[in-house]
C-alpha atoms as a PDB file:
ATOM      1  CA  UNK A   1     113.247 155.993  40.874  1.00  0.00           C
ATOM      2  CA  UNK A   2     112.998 159.342  42.604  1.00  0.00           C
ATOM      3  CA  UNK A   3     113.014 162.891  41.216  1.00  0.00           C
ATOM      4  CA  UNK A   4     114.309 165.613  43.523  1.00  0.00           C
ATOM      5  CA  UNK A   5     112.806 168.991  44.430  1.00  0.00           C
ATOM      6  CA  UNK A   6     111.467 170.997  47.361  1.00  0.00           C
ATOM      7  CA  UNK A   7     107.789 171.914  47.839  1.00  0.00           C
ATOM      8  CA  UNK A   8     104.832 173.230  45.862  1.00  0.00           C
ATOM      9  CA  UNK A   9     101.449 172.216  44.413  1.00  0.00           C
ATOM     10  CA  UNK A  10     101.906 170.635  40.997  1.00  0.00           C
ATOM     11  CA  UNK A  11     105.279 172.266  40.402  1.00  0.00           C
ATOM     12  CA  UNK A  12     108.032 173.311  42.740  1.00  0.00           C
ATOM     13  CA  UNK A  13     109.762 176.671  42.747  1.00  0.00           C
ATOM     14  CA  UNK A  14     113.489 177.114  43.372  1.00  0.00           C
ATOM     15  CA  UNK A  15     113.801 180.640  44.778  1.00  0.00           C
ATOM     16  CA  UNK A  16     117.600 180.743  44.423  1.00  0.00           C
ATOM     17  CA  UNK A  17     117.569 180.286  40.638  1.00  0.00           C
ATOM     18  CA  UNK A  18     113.947 181.269  39.911  1.00  0.00           C
ATOM     19  CA  UNK A  19     113.334 177.860  38.303  1.00  0.00           C
ATOM     20  CA  UNK A  20     110.292 175.587  38.488  1.00  0.00           C
ATOM     21  CA  UNK A  21     110.614 171.795  38.591  1.00  0.00           C
ATOM     22  CA  UNK A  22     108.266 168.808  38.867  1.00  0.00           C
ATOM     23  CA  UNK A  23     109.439 168.183  42.440  1.00  0.00           C
ATOM     24  CA  UNK A  24     110.092 165.047  44.459  1.00  0.00           C
ATOM     25  CA  UNK A  25     108.160 161.963  43.330  1.00  0.00           C
ATOM     26  CA  UNK A  26     108.466 158.181  43.041  1.00  0.00           C
ATOM     27  CA  UNK A  27     107.704 155.687  40.248  1.00  0.00           C
ATOM     28  CA  UNK A  28     107.419 158.174  37.401  1.00  0.00           C
ATOM     29  CA  UNK A  29     107.945 157.535  33.674  1.00  0.00           C
ATOM     30  CA  UNK A  30     110.898 159.208  31.949  1.00  0.00           C
ATOM     31  CA  UNK A  31     112.119 159.311  28.345  1.00  0.00           C
ATOM     32  CA  UNK A  32     115.501 160.880  27.591  1.00  0.00           C
ATOM     33  CA  UNK A  33     115.463 160.730  23.796  1.00  0.00           C
ATOM     34  CA  UNK A  34     112.620 163.117  22.980  1.00  0.00           C
ATOM     35  CA  UNK A  35     112.917 165.820  20.313  1.00  0.00           C
ATOM     36  CA  UNK A  36     110.651 168.899  20.243  1.00  0.00           C
ATOM     37  CA  UNK A  37     108.837 168.796  16.872  1.00  0.00           C
ATOM     38  CA  UNK A  38     108.733 172.616  16.630  1.00  0.00           C
ATOM     39  CA  UNK A  39     112.304 173.518  17.622  1.00  0.00           C
ATOM     40  CA  UNK A  40     114.300 170.315  17.107  1.00  0.00           C
ATOM     41  CA  UNK A  41     115.578 170.711  20.679  1.00  0.00           C
ATOM     42  CA  UNK A  42     116.417 167.498  22.555  1.00  0.00           C
ATOM     43  CA  UNK A  43     114.717 167.095  25.909  1.00  0.00           C
ATOM     44  CA  UNK A  44     113.817 164.748  28.744  1.00  0.00           C
ATOM     45  CA  UNK A  45     110.117 164.002  29.276  1.00  0.00           C
ATOM     46  CA  UNK A  46     108.741 163.102  32.727  1.00  0.00           C
ATOM     47  CA  UNK A  47     105.183 161.899  33.392  1.00  0.00           C
ATOM     48  CA  UNK A  48     103.250 161.242  36.578  1.00  0.00           C
ATOM     49  CA  UNK A  49     104.436 159.329  39.585  1.00  0.00           C
ATOM     50  CA  UNK A  50     103.539 159.261  43.245  1.00  0.00           C
ATOM     51  CA  UNK A  51     104.341 161.747  46.011  1.00  0.00           C
ATOM     52  CA  UNK A  52     104.342 160.937  49.742  1.00  0.00           C
ATOM     53  CA  UNK A  53     100.992 161.824  51.311  1.00  0.00           C
ATOM     54  CA  UNK A  54     101.102 165.288  52.928  1.00  0.00           C
ATOM     55  CA  UNK A  55      99.304 163.876  56.000  1.00  0.00           C
ATOM     56  CA  UNK A  56     102.637 162.441  57.182  1.00  0.00           C
ATOM     57  CA  UNK A  57     104.026 165.952  57.794  1.00  0.00           C
ATOM     58  CA  UNK A  58     104.748 166.778  61.431  1.00  0.00           C
ATOM     59  CA  UNK A  59     102.211 169.651  61.454  1.00  0.00           C
ATOM     60  CA  UNK A  60      99.290 167.320  60.579  1.00  0.00           C
ATOM     61  CA  UNK A  61      97.046 165.526  63.058  1.00  0.00           C
ATOM     62  CA  UNK A  62      93.472 164.389  63.556  1.00  0.00           C
ATOM     63  CA  UNK A  63      92.685 167.926  64.812  1.00  0.00           C
ATOM     64  CA  UNK A  64      93.302 169.458  61.354  1.00  0.00           C
ATOM     65  CA  UNK A  65      92.102 166.335  59.467  1.00  0.00           C
ATOM     66  CA  UNK A  66      95.611 165.907  58.015  1.00  0.00           C
ATOM     67  CA  UNK A  67      94.928 168.763  55.579  1.00  0.00           C
ATOM     68  CA  UNK A  68      97.890 171.095  56.210  1.00  0.00           C
ATOM     69  CA  UNK A  69     100.192 171.499  53.209  1.00  0.00           C
ATOM     70  CA  UNK A  70     102.585 173.954  54.870  1.00  0.00           C
ATOM     71  CA  UNK A  71     105.470 171.459  55.192  1.00  0.00           C
ATOM     72  CA  UNK A  72     104.736 168.977  52.377  1.00  0.00           C
ATOM     73  CA  UNK A  73     102.961 169.446  49.023  1.00  0.00           C
ATOM     74  CA  UNK A  74      99.741 167.562  48.302  1.00  0.00           C
ATOM     75  CA  UNK A  75     100.584 163.886  47.986  1.00  0.00           C
ATOM     76  CA  UNK A  76      99.204 160.955  46.044  1.00  0.00           C
ATOM     77  CA  UNK A  77      99.215 159.888  42.409  1.00  0.00           C
ATOM     78  CA  UNK A  78     100.114 162.535  39.842  1.00  0.00           C
ATOM     79  CA  UNK A  79      99.218 162.799  36.147  1.00  0.00           C
ATOM     80  CA  UNK A  80     101.285 165.799  35.078  1.00  0.00           C
ATOM     81  CA  UNK A  81     103.672 165.956  32.098  1.00  0.00           C
ATOM     82  CA  UNK A  82     106.990 167.878  32.214  1.00  0.00           C
ATOM     83  CA  UNK A  83     109.778 168.438  29.719  1.00  0.00           C
ATOM     84  CA  UNK A  84     113.374 169.346  30.601  1.00  0.00           C
ATOM     85  CA  UNK A  85     115.914 170.998  28.339  1.00  0.00           C
ATOM     86  CA  UNK A  86     119.361 172.285  29.226  1.00  0.00           C
ATOM     87  CA  UNK A  87     120.056 175.831  28.092  1.00  0.00           C
ATOM     88  CA  UNK A  88     123.743 176.375  27.447  1.00  0.00           C
ATOM     89  CA  UNK A  89     123.684 180.085  28.309  1.00  0.00           C
ATOM     90  CA  UNK A  90     125.396 179.479  31.669  1.00  0.00           C
ATOM     91  CA  UNK A  91     126.062 176.619  34.079  1.00  0.00           C
ATOM     92  CA  UNK A  92     123.089 177.478  36.305  1.00  0.00           C
ATOM     93  CA  UNK A  93     120.399 177.772  33.618  1.00  0.00           C
ATOM     94  CA  UNK A  94     117.951 174.965  32.954  1.00  0.00           C
ATOM     95  CA  UNK A  95     114.266 174.832  32.154  1.00  0.00           C
ATOM     96  CA  UNK A  96     111.467 172.532  33.298  1.00  0.00           C
ATOM     97  CA  UNK A  97     108.146 173.237  31.630  1.00  0.00           C
ATOM     98  CA  UNK A  98     104.770 171.776  32.571  1.00  0.00           C
ATOM     99  CA  UNK A  99     102.823 170.705  29.507  1.00  0.00           C
ATOM    100  CA  UNK A 100      99.016 170.685  29.349  1.00  0.00           C
END
């Protein structure tokens, strides 16, 4: 299973719509039947996963110790929790939120 996104540290920013998302990752856990206890809003919950190691980016080499994160975000195992809810204000509005 793969989630889509662009680049960033723990979250990814979509400049066109000013939205933040969990970004591209593999092997994450997802639950689509969650209900927010405070608002009663239905949501999708996404936890963790794995992101391709940033050292594979074309701008990395032994010279920079594979530490550049200009082209790819930091890779490896992730332990972050995100919730997604669709806002019906317009077709382009959605909201990912990182939970502590």
